[in-house]
Amino acid sequence: TAGTRLKVVGRAGTGVDNVDVDAATKNGIIVMNTPTG
């Protein structure tokens, strides 16, 4: 919510359980991971 300019949160790894994905979606922020890394 504080990230008023935020467009993307990148997780360098697979799991995104440390990211509130539902809140990101509501704020229009893309959450991406690196599933093969």
ModelCIF file with pLDDT and N, C-alpha, C, O atoms, coordinates in Angstrom:
data_MODEL
#
_entry.id   MODEL 
#
_entity.id                         1 
_entity.type                       polymer 
_entity.pdbx_number_of_molecules   1 
#
_entity_poly.entity_id                      1 
_entity_poly.type                           'polypeptide(L)' 
_entity_poly.nstd_linkage                   no 
_entity_poly.nstd_monomer                   no 
_entity_poly.pdbx_seq_one_letter_code       TAGTRLKVVGRAGTGVDNVDVDAATKNGIIVMNTPTG 
_entity_poly.pdbx_seq_one_letter_code_can   TAGTRLKVVGRAGTGVDNVDVDAATKNGIIVMNTPTG 
_entity_poly.pdbx_strand_id                 A 
#
loop_
_entity_poly_seq.entity_id 
_entity_poly_seq.num 
_entity_poly_seq.mon_id 
_entity_poly_seq.hetero 
1 1  THR n 
1 2  ALA n 
1 3  GLY n 
1 4  THR n 
1 5  ARG n 
1 6  LEU n 
1 7  LYS n 
1 8  VAL n 
1 9  VAL n 
1 10 GLY n 
1 11 ARG n 
1 12 ALA n 
1 13 GLY n 
1 14 THR n 
1 15 GLY n 
1 16 VAL n 
1 17 ASP n 
1 18 ASN n 
1 19 VAL n 
1 20 ASP n 
1 21 VAL n 
1 22 ASP n 
1 23 ALA n 
1 24 ALA n 
1 25 THR n 
1 26 LYS n 
1 27 ASN n 
1 28 GLY n 
1 29 ILE n 
1 30 ILE n 
1 31 VAL n 
1 32 MET n 
1 33 ASN n 
1 34 THR n 
1 35 PRO n 
1 36 THR n 
1 37 GLY n 
#
_struct_asym.id          A 
_struct_asym.entity_id   1 
#
loop_
_ma_qa_metric.id 
_ma_qa_metric.mode 
_ma_qa_metric.name 
_ma_qa_metric.software_group_id 
_ma_qa_metric.type 
1 global pLDDT . pLDDT 
2 local  pLDDT . pLDDT 
#
_ma_qa_metric_global.metric_id      1 
_ma_qa_metric_global.metric_value   93.57 
_ma_qa_metric_global.model_id       1 
_ma_qa_metric_global.ordinal_id     1 
#
loop_
_ma_qa_metric_local.label_asym_id 
_ma_qa_metric_local.label_comp_id 
_ma_qa_metric_local.label_seq_id 
_ma_qa_metric_local.metric_id 
_ma_qa_metric_local.metric_value 
_ma_qa_metric_local.model_id 
_ma_qa_metric_local.ordinal_id 
A THR 1  2 96.00 1 1  
A ALA 2  2 97.00 1 2  
A GLY 3  2 97.00 1 3  
A THR 4  2 95.00 1 4  
A ARG 5  2 96.00 1 5  
A LEU 6  2 97.00 1 6  
A LYS 7  2 96.00 1 7  
A VAL 8  2 97.00 1 8  
A VAL 9  2 98.00 1 9  
A GLY 10 2 97.00 1 10 
A ARG 11 2 96.00 1 11 
A ALA 12 2 94.00 1 12 
A GLY 13 2 89.00 1 13 
A THR 14 2 83.00 1 14 
A GLY 15 2 81.00 1 15 
A VAL 16 2 90.00 1 16 
A ASP 17 2 85.00 1 17 
A ASN 18 2 93.00 1 18 
A VAL 19 2 96.00 1 19 
A ASP 20 2 97.00 1 20 
A VAL 21 2 95.00 1 21 
A ASP 22 2 95.00 1 22 
A ALA 23 2 96.00 1 23 
A ALA 24 2 96.00 1 24 
A THR 25 2 95.00 1 25 
A LYS 26 2 95.00 1 26 
A ASN 27 2 95.00 1 27 
A GLY 28 2 94.00 1 28 
A ILE 29 2 96.00 1 29 
A ILE 30 2 96.00 1 30 
A VAL 31 2 97.00 1 31 
A MET 32 2 96.00 1 32 
A ASN 33 2 95.00 1 33 
A THR 34 2 93.00 1 34 
A PRO 35 2 83.00 1 35 
A THR 36 2 86.00 1 36 
A GLY 37 2 89.00 1 37 
#
loop_
_atom_site.group_PDB 
_atom_site.id 
_atom_site.type_symbol 
_atom_site.label_atom_id 
_atom_site.label_alt_id 
_atom_site.label_comp_id 
_atom_site.label_asym_id 
_atom_site.label_entity_id 
_atom_site.label_seq_id 
_atom_site.pdbx_PDB_ins_code 
_atom_site.Cartn_x 
_atom_site.Cartn_y 
_atom_site.Cartn_z 
_atom_site.occupancy 
_atom_site.B_iso_or_equiv 
_atom_site.pdbx_formal_charge 
_atom_site.auth_seq_id 
_atom_site.auth_comp_id 
_atom_site.auth_asym_id 
_atom_site.auth_atom_id 
_atom_site.pdbx_PDB_model_num 
ATOM 1   N N  . THR A 1 1  ? 0.831  -1.203  0.000   1.00 96.00 ? 1  THR A N  1 
ATOM 2   C CA . THR A 1 1  ? 0.000  0.000   0.000   1.00 96.00 ? 1  THR A CA 1 
ATOM 3   C C  . THR A 1 1  ? 0.864  1.252   0.000   1.00 96.00 ? 1  THR A C  1 
ATOM 4   O O  . THR A 1 1  ? 0.526  2.247   -0.640  1.00 96.00 ? 1  THR A O  1 
ATOM 5   N N  . ALA A 1 2  ? 1.984  1.199   0.722   1.00 97.00 ? 2  ALA A N  1 
ATOM 6   C CA . ALA A 1 2  ? 2.895  2.352   0.756   1.00 97.00 ? 2  ALA A CA 1 
ATOM 7   C C  . ALA A 1 2  ? 3.595  2.562   -0.578  1.00 97.00 ? 2  ALA A C  1 
ATOM 8   O O  . ALA A 1 2  ? 4.009  3.677   -0.895  1.00 97.00 ? 2  ALA A O  1 
ATOM 9   N N  . GLY A 1 3  ? 3.729  1.496   -1.359  1.00 97.00 ? 3  GLY A N  1 
ATOM 10  C CA . GLY A 1 3  ? 4.421  1.602   -2.652  1.00 97.00 ? 3  GLY A CA 1 
ATOM 11  C C  . GLY A 1 3  ? 3.525  2.191   -3.719  1.00 97.00 ? 3  GLY A C  1 
ATOM 12  O O  . GLY A 1 3  ? 3.060  1.475   -4.606  1.00 97.00 ? 3  GLY A O  1 
ATOM 13  N N  . THR A 1 4  ? 3.280  3.474   -3.645  1.00 95.00 ? 4  THR A N  1 
ATOM 14  C CA . THR A 1 4  ? 2.339  4.135   -4.553  1.00 95.00 ? 4  THR A CA 1 
ATOM 15  C C  . THR A 1 4  ? 2.831  4.143   -5.997  1.00 95.00 ? 4  THR A C  1 
ATOM 16  O O  . THR A 1 4  ? 2.031  4.283   -6.923  1.00 95.00 ? 4  THR A O  1 
ATOM 17  N N  . ARG A 1 5  ? 4.145  3.993   -6.198  1.00 96.00 ? 5  ARG A N  1 
ATOM 18  C CA . ARG A 1 5  ? 4.692  3.909   -7.562  1.00 96.00 ? 5  ARG A CA 1 
ATOM 19  C C  . ARG A 1 5  ? 4.932  2.467   -8.003  1.00 96.00 ? 5  ARG A C  1 
ATOM 20  O O  . ARG A 1 5  ? 5.270  2.215   -9.160  1.00 96.00 ? 5  ARG A O  1 
ATOM 21  N N  . LEU A 1 6  ? 4.759  1.535   -7.092  1.00 97.00 ? 6  LEU A N  1 
ATOM 22  C CA . LEU A 1 6  ? 5.191  0.161   -7.318  1.00 97.00 ? 6  LEU A CA 1 
ATOM 23  C C  . LEU A 1 6  ? 4.382  -0.524  -8.425  1.00 97.00 ? 6  LEU A C  1 
ATOM 24  O O  . LEU A 1 6  ? 3.152  -0.521  -8.404  1.00 97.00 ? 6  LEU A O  1 
ATOM 25  N N  . LYS A 1 7  ? 5.089  -1.104  -9.378  1.00 96.00 ? 7  LYS A N  1 
ATOM 26  C CA . LYS A 1 7  ? 4.449  -1.872  -10.453 1.00 96.00 ? 7  LYS A CA 1 
ATOM 27  C C  . LYS A 1 7  ? 4.748  -3.362  -10.370 1.00 96.00 ? 7  LYS A C  1 
ATOM 28  O O  . LYS A 1 7  ? 3.946  -4.183  -10.817 1.00 96.00 ? 7  LYS A O  1 
ATOM 29  N N  . VAL A 1 8  ? 5.909  -3.719  -9.795  1.00 97.00 ? 8  VAL A N  1 
ATOM 30  C CA . VAL A 1 8  ? 6.301  -5.124  -9.790  1.00 97.00 ? 8  VAL A CA 1 
ATOM 31  C C  . VAL A 1 8  ? 7.085  -5.454  -8.532  1.00 97.00 ? 8  VAL A C  1 
ATOM 32  O O  . VAL A 1 8  ? 7.914  -4.671  -8.067  1.00 97.00 ? 8  VAL A O  1 
ATOM 33  N N  . VAL A 1 9  ? 6.800  -6.646  -7.988  1.00 98.00 ? 9  VAL A N  1 
ATOM 34  C CA . VAL A 1 9  ? 7.617  -7.247  -6.935  1.00 98.00 ? 9  VAL A CA 1 
ATOM 35  C C  . VAL A 1 9  ? 8.214  -8.510  -7.531  1.00 98.00 ? 9  VAL A C  1 
ATOM 36  O O  . VAL A 1 9  ? 7.488  -9.416  -7.940  1.00 98.00 ? 9  VAL A O  1 
ATOM 37  N N  . GLY A 1 10 ? 9.527  -8.566  -7.579  1.00 97.00 ? 10 GLY A N  1 
ATOM 38  C CA . GLY A 1 10 ? 10.215 -9.725  -8.139  1.00 97.00 ? 10 GLY A CA 1 
ATOM 39  C C  . GLY A 1 10 ? 10.796 -10.585 -7.039  1.00 97.00 ? 10 GLY A C  1 
ATOM 40  O O  . GLY A 1 10 ? 11.569 -10.102 -6.212  1.00 97.00 ? 10 GLY A O  1 
ATOM 41  N N  . ARG A 1 11 ? 10.433 -11.846 -7.024  1.00 96.00 ? 11 ARG A N  1 
ATOM 42  C CA . ARG A 1 11 ? 10.975 -12.795 -6.047  1.00 96.00 ? 11 ARG A CA 1 
ATOM 43  C C  . ARG A 1 11 ? 12.041 -13.629 -6.738  1.00 96.00 ? 11 ARG A C  1 
ATOM 44  O O  . ARG A 1 11 ? 11.729 -14.419 -7.630  1.00 96.00 ? 11 ARG A O  1 
ATOM 45  N N  . ALA A 1 12 ? 13.289 -13.463 -6.339  1.00 94.00 ? 12 ALA A N  1 
ATOM 46  C CA . ALA A 1 12 ? 14.397 -14.222 -6.915  1.00 94.00 ? 12 ALA A CA 1 
ATOM 47  C C  . ALA A 1 12 ? 14.389 -15.618 -6.313  1.00 94.00 ? 12 ALA A C  1 
ATOM 48  O O  . ALA A 1 12 ? 15.168 -15.916 -5.408  1.00 94.00 ? 12 ALA A O  1 
ATOM 49  N N  . GLY A 1 13 ? 13.521 -16.458 -6.809  1.00 89.00 ? 13 GLY A N  1 
ATOM 50  C CA . GLY A 1 13 ? 13.312 -17.801 -6.303  1.00 89.00 ? 13 GLY A CA 1 
ATOM 51  C C  . GLY A 1 13 ? 11.912 -18.251 -6.663  1.00 89.00 ? 13 GLY A C  1 
ATOM 52  O O  . GLY A 1 13 ? 11.213 -17.583 -7.426  1.00 89.00 ? 13 GLY A O  1 
ATOM 53  N N  . THR A 1 14 ? 11.504 -19.379 -6.118  1.00 83.00 ? 14 THR A N  1 
ATOM 54  C CA . THR A 1 14 ? 10.218 -19.966 -6.502  1.00 83.00 ? 14 THR A CA 1 
ATOM 55  C C  . THR A 1 14 ? 9.076  -19.526 -5.611  1.00 83.00 ? 14 THR A C  1 
ATOM 56  O O  . THR A 1 14 ? 8.101  -18.950 -6.094  1.00 83.00 ? 14 THR A O  1 
ATOM 57  N N  . GLY A 1 15 ? 9.180  -19.788 -4.317  1.00 81.00 ? 15 GLY A N  1 
ATOM 58  C CA . GLY A 1 15 ? 8.078  -19.532 -3.402  1.00 81.00 ? 15 GLY A CA 1 
ATOM 59  C C  . GLY A 1 15 ? 7.823  -18.055 -3.183  1.00 81.00 ? 15 GLY A C  1 
ATOM 60  O O  . GLY A 1 15 ? 8.761  -17.264 -3.084  1.00 81.00 ? 15 GLY A O  1 
ATOM 61  N N  . VAL A 1 16 ? 6.550  -17.680 -3.108  1.00 90.00 ? 16 VAL A N  1 
ATOM 62  C CA . VAL A 1 16 ? 6.189  -16.277 -2.868  1.00 90.00 ? 16 VAL A CA 1 
ATOM 63  C C  . VAL A 1 16 ? 5.354  -16.138 -1.602  1.00 90.00 ? 16 VAL A C  1 
ATOM 64  O O  . VAL A 1 16 ? 4.555  -15.210 -1.480  1.00 90.00 ? 16 VAL A O  1 
ATOM 65  N N  . ASP A 1 17 ? 5.538  -17.067 -0.655  1.00 85.00 ? 17 ASP A N  1 
ATOM 66  C CA . ASP A 1 17 ? 4.757  -16.990 0.577   1.00 85.00 ? 17 ASP A CA 1 
ATOM 67  C C  . ASP A 1 17 ? 5.203  -15.842 1.470   1.00 85.00 ? 17 ASP A C  1 
ATOM 68  O O  . ASP A 1 17 ? 4.526  -15.536 2.451   1.00 85.00 ? 17 ASP A O  1 
ATOM 69  N N  . ASN A 1 18 ? 6.330  -15.194 1.157   1.00 93.00 ? 18 ASN A N  1 
ATOM 70  C CA . ASN A 1 18 ? 6.727  -13.989 1.900   1.00 93.00 ? 18 ASN A CA 1 
ATOM 71  C C  . ASN A 1 18 ? 6.169  -12.718 1.266   1.00 93.00 ? 18 ASN A C  1 
ATOM 72  O O  . ASN A 1 18 ? 6.502  -11.614 1.694   1.00 93.00 ? 18 ASN A O  1 
ATOM 73  N N  . VAL A 1 19 ? 5.328  -12.868 0.253   1.00 96.00 ? 19 VAL A N  1 
ATOM 74  C CA . VAL A 1 19 ? 4.693  -11.734 -0.417  1.00 96.00 ? 19 VAL A CA 1 
ATOM 75  C C  . VAL A 1 19 ? 3.180  -11.871 -0.271  1.00 96.00 ? 19 VAL A C  1 
ATOM 76  O O  . VAL A 1 19 ? 2.627  -12.939 -0.535  1.00 96.00 ? 19 VAL A O  1 
ATOM 77  N N  . ASP A 1 20 ? 2.513  -10.806 0.146   1.00 97.00 ? 20 ASP A N  1 
ATOM 78  C CA . ASP A 1 20 ? 1.047  -10.811 0.225   1.00 97.00 ? 20 ASP A CA 1 
ATOM 79  C C  . ASP A 1 20 ? 0.507  -10.625 -1.196  1.00 97.00 ? 20 ASP A C  1 
ATOM 80  O O  . ASP A 1 20 ? 0.272  -9.504  -1.649  1.00 97.00 ? 20 ASP A O  1 
ATOM 81  N N  . VAL A 1 21 ? 0.319  -11.744 -1.878  1.00 95.00 ? 21 VAL A N  1 
ATOM 82  C CA . VAL A 1 21 ? -0.049 -11.711 -3.304  1.00 95.00 ? 21 VAL A CA 1 
ATOM 83  C C  . VAL A 1 21 ? -1.430 -11.096 -3.503  1.00 95.00 ? 21 VAL A C  1 
ATOM 84  O O  . VAL A 1 21 ? -1.643 -10.368 -4.472  1.00 95.00 ? 21 VAL A O  1 
ATOM 85  N N  . ASP A 1 22 ? -2.376 -11.376 -2.598  1.00 95.00 ? 22 ASP A N  1 
ATOM 86  C CA . ASP A 1 22 ? -3.723 -10.808 -2.734  1.00 95.00 ? 22 ASP A CA 1 
ATOM 87  C C  . ASP A 1 22 ? -3.689 -9.285  -2.636  1.00 95.00 ? 22 ASP A C  1 
ATOM 88  O O  . ASP A 1 22 ? -4.358 -8.588  -3.399  1.00 95.00 ? 22 ASP A O  1 
ATOM 89  N N  . ALA A 1 23 ? -2.900 -8.777  -1.685  1.00 96.00 ? 23 ALA A N  1 
ATOM 90  C CA . ALA A 1 23 ? -2.787 -7.319  -1.545  1.00 96.00 ? 23 ALA A CA 1 
ATOM 91  C C  . ALA A 1 23 ? -2.100 -6.715  -2.758  1.00 96.00 ? 23 ALA A C  1 
ATOM 92  O O  . ALA A 1 23 ? -2.474 -5.630  -3.204  1.00 96.00 ? 23 ALA A O  1 
ATOM 93  N N  . ALA A 1 24 ? -1.103 -7.401  -3.295  1.00 96.00 ? 24 ALA A N  1 
ATOM 94  C CA . ALA A 1 24 ? -0.429 -6.913  -4.495  1.00 96.00 ? 24 ALA A CA 1 
ATOM 95  C C  . ALA A 1 24 ? -1.404 -6.817  -5.660  1.00 96.00 ? 24 ALA A C  1 
ATOM 96  O O  . ALA A 1 24 ? -1.407 -5.828  -6.393  1.00 96.00 ? 24 ALA A O  1 
ATOM 97  N N  . THR A 1 25 ? -2.228 -7.839  -5.828  1.00 95.00 ? 25 THR A N  1 
ATOM 98  C CA . THR A 1 25 ? -3.204 -7.845  -6.917  1.00 95.00 ? 25 THR A CA 1 
ATOM 99  C C  . THR A 1 25 ? -4.166 -6.674  -6.773  1.00 95.00 ? 25 THR A C  1 
ATOM 100 O O  . THR A 1 25 ? -4.443 -5.971  -7.745  1.00 95.00 ? 25 THR A O  1 
ATOM 101 N N  . LYS A 1 26 ? -4.678 -6.462  -5.556  1.00 95.00 ? 26 LYS A N  1 
ATOM 102 C CA . LYS A 1 26 ? -5.627 -5.381  -5.343  1.00 95.00 ? 26 LYS A CA 1 
ATOM 103 C C  . LYS A 1 26 ? -5.002 -4.028  -5.644  1.00 95.00 ? 26 LYS A C  1 
ATOM 104 O O  . LYS A 1 26 ? -5.682 -3.113  -6.108  1.00 95.00 ? 26 LYS A O  1 
ATOM 105 N N  . ASN A 1 27 ? -3.703 -3.901  -5.381  1.00 95.00 ? 27 ASN A N  1 
ATOM 106 C CA . ASN A 1 27 ? -2.999 -2.650  -5.662  1.00 95.00 ? 27 ASN A CA 1 
ATOM 107 C C  . ASN A 1 27 ? -2.488 -2.569  -7.096  1.00 95.00 ? 27 ASN A C  1 
ATOM 108 O O  . ASN A 1 27 ? -1.808 -1.611  -7.463  1.00 95.00 ? 27 ASN A O  1 
ATOM 109 N N  . GLY A 1 28 ? -2.814 -3.574  -7.904  1.00 94.00 ? 28 GLY A N  1 
ATOM 110 C CA . GLY A 1 28 ? -2.413 -3.546  -9.319  1.00 94.00 ? 28 GLY A CA 1 
ATOM 111 C C  . GLY A 1 28 ? -0.940 -3.787  -9.532  1.00 94.00 ? 28 GLY A C  1 
ATOM 112 O O  . GLY A 1 28 ? -0.369 -3.308  -10.512 1.00 94.00 ? 28 GLY A O  1 
ATOM 113 N N  . ILE A 1 29 ? -0.307 -4.529  -8.620  1.00 96.00 ? 29 ILE A N  1 
ATOM 114 C CA . ILE A 1 29 ? 1.137  -4.767  -8.678  1.00 96.00 ? 29 ILE A CA 1 
ATOM 115 C C  . ILE A 1 29 ? 1.393  -6.198  -9.135  1.00 96.00 ? 29 ILE A C  1 
ATOM 116 O O  . ILE A 1 29 ? 0.832  -7.139  -8.573  1.00 96.00 ? 29 ILE A O  1 
ATOM 117 N N  . ILE A 1 30 ? 2.223  -6.365  -10.135 1.00 96.00 ? 30 ILE A N  1 
ATOM 118 C CA . ILE A 1 30 ? 2.591  -7.697  -10.616 1.00 96.00 ? 30 ILE A CA 1 
ATOM 119 C C  . ILE A 1 30 ? 3.553  -8.339  -9.625  1.00 96.00 ? 30 ILE A C  1 
ATOM 120 O O  . ILE A 1 30 ? 4.510  -7.705  -9.183  1.00 96.00 ? 30 ILE A O  1 
ATOM 121 N N  . VAL A 1 31 ? 3.298  -9.600  -9.277  1.00 97.00 ? 31 VAL A N  1 
ATOM 122 C CA . VAL A 1 31 ? 4.243  -10.397 -8.493  1.00 97.00 ? 31 VAL A CA 1 
ATOM 123 C C  . VAL A 1 31 ? 4.814  -11.452 -9.425  1.00 97.00 ? 31 VAL A C  1 
ATOM 124 O O  . VAL A 1 31 ? 4.074  -12.257 -9.989  1.00 97.00 ? 31 VAL A O  1 
ATOM 125 N N  . MET A 1 32 ? 6.128  -11.447 -9.587  1.00 96.00 ? 32 MET A N  1 
ATOM 126 C CA . MET A 1 32 ? 6.755  -12.448 -10.452 1.00 96.00 ? 32 MET A CA 1 
ATOM 127 C C  . MET A 1 32 ? 7.824  -13.216 -9.676  1.00 96.00 ? 32 MET A C  1 
ATOM 128 O O  . MET A 1 32 ? 8.465  -12.676 -8.774  1.00 96.00 ? 32 MET A O  1 
ATOM 129 N N  . ASN A 1 33 ? 8.002  -14.479 -10.042 1.00 95.00 ? 33 ASN A N  1 
ATOM 130 C CA . ASN A 1 33 ? 9.060  -15.292 -9.451  1.00 95.00 ? 33 ASN A CA 1 
ATOM 131 C C  . ASN A 1 33 ? 9.934  -15.871 -10.545 1.00 95.00 ? 33 ASN A C  1 
ATOM 132 O O  . ASN A 1 33 ? 9.698  -15.634 -11.730 1.00 95.00 ? 33 ASN A O  1 
ATOM 133 N N  . THR A 1 34 ? 10.943 -16.629 -10.148 1.00 93.00 ? 34 THR A N  1 
ATOM 134 C CA . THR A 1 34 ? 11.826 -17.302 -11.107 1.00 93.00 ? 34 THR A CA 1 
ATOM 135 C C  . THR A 1 34 ? 11.683 -18.797 -10.881 1.00 93.00 ? 34 THR A C  1 
ATOM 136 O O  . THR A 1 34 ? 12.497 -19.396 -10.178 1.00 93.00 ? 34 THR A O  1 
ATOM 137 N N  . PRO A 1 35 ? 10.666 -19.406 -11.463 1.00 83.00 ? 35 PRO A N  1 
ATOM 138 C CA . PRO A 1 35 ? 10.336 -20.788 -11.128 1.00 83.00 ? 35 PRO A CA 1 
ATOM 139 C C  . PRO A 1 35 ? 11.404 -21.810 -11.482 1.00 83.00 ? 35 PRO A C  1 
ATOM 140 O O  . PRO A 1 35 ? 11.418 -22.900 -10.911 1.00 83.00 ? 35 PRO A O  1 
ATOM 141 N N  . THR A 1 36 ? 12.298 -21.487 -12.407 1.00 86.00 ? 36 THR A N  1 
ATOM 142 C CA . THR A 1 36 ? 13.305 -22.477 -12.806 1.00 86.00 ? 36 THR A CA 1 
ATOM 143 C C  . THR A 1 36 ? 14.665 -22.230 -12.169 1.00 86.00 ? 36 THR A C  1 
ATOM 144 O O  . THR A 1 36 ? 15.541 -23.091 -12.243 1.00 86.00 ? 36 THR A O  1 
ATOM 145 N N  . GLY A 1 37 ? 14.858 -21.072 -11.544 1.00 89.00 ? 37 GLY A N  1 
ATOM 146 C CA . GLY A 1 37 ? 16.196 -20.669 -11.122 1.00 89.00 ? 37 GLY A CA 1 
ATOM 147 C C  . GLY A 1 37 ? 16.877 -21.596 -10.137 1.00 89.00 ? 37 GLY A C  1 
ATOM 148 O O  . GLY A 1 37 ? 18.007 -21.336 -9.725  1.00 89.00 ? 37 GLY A O  1 
#
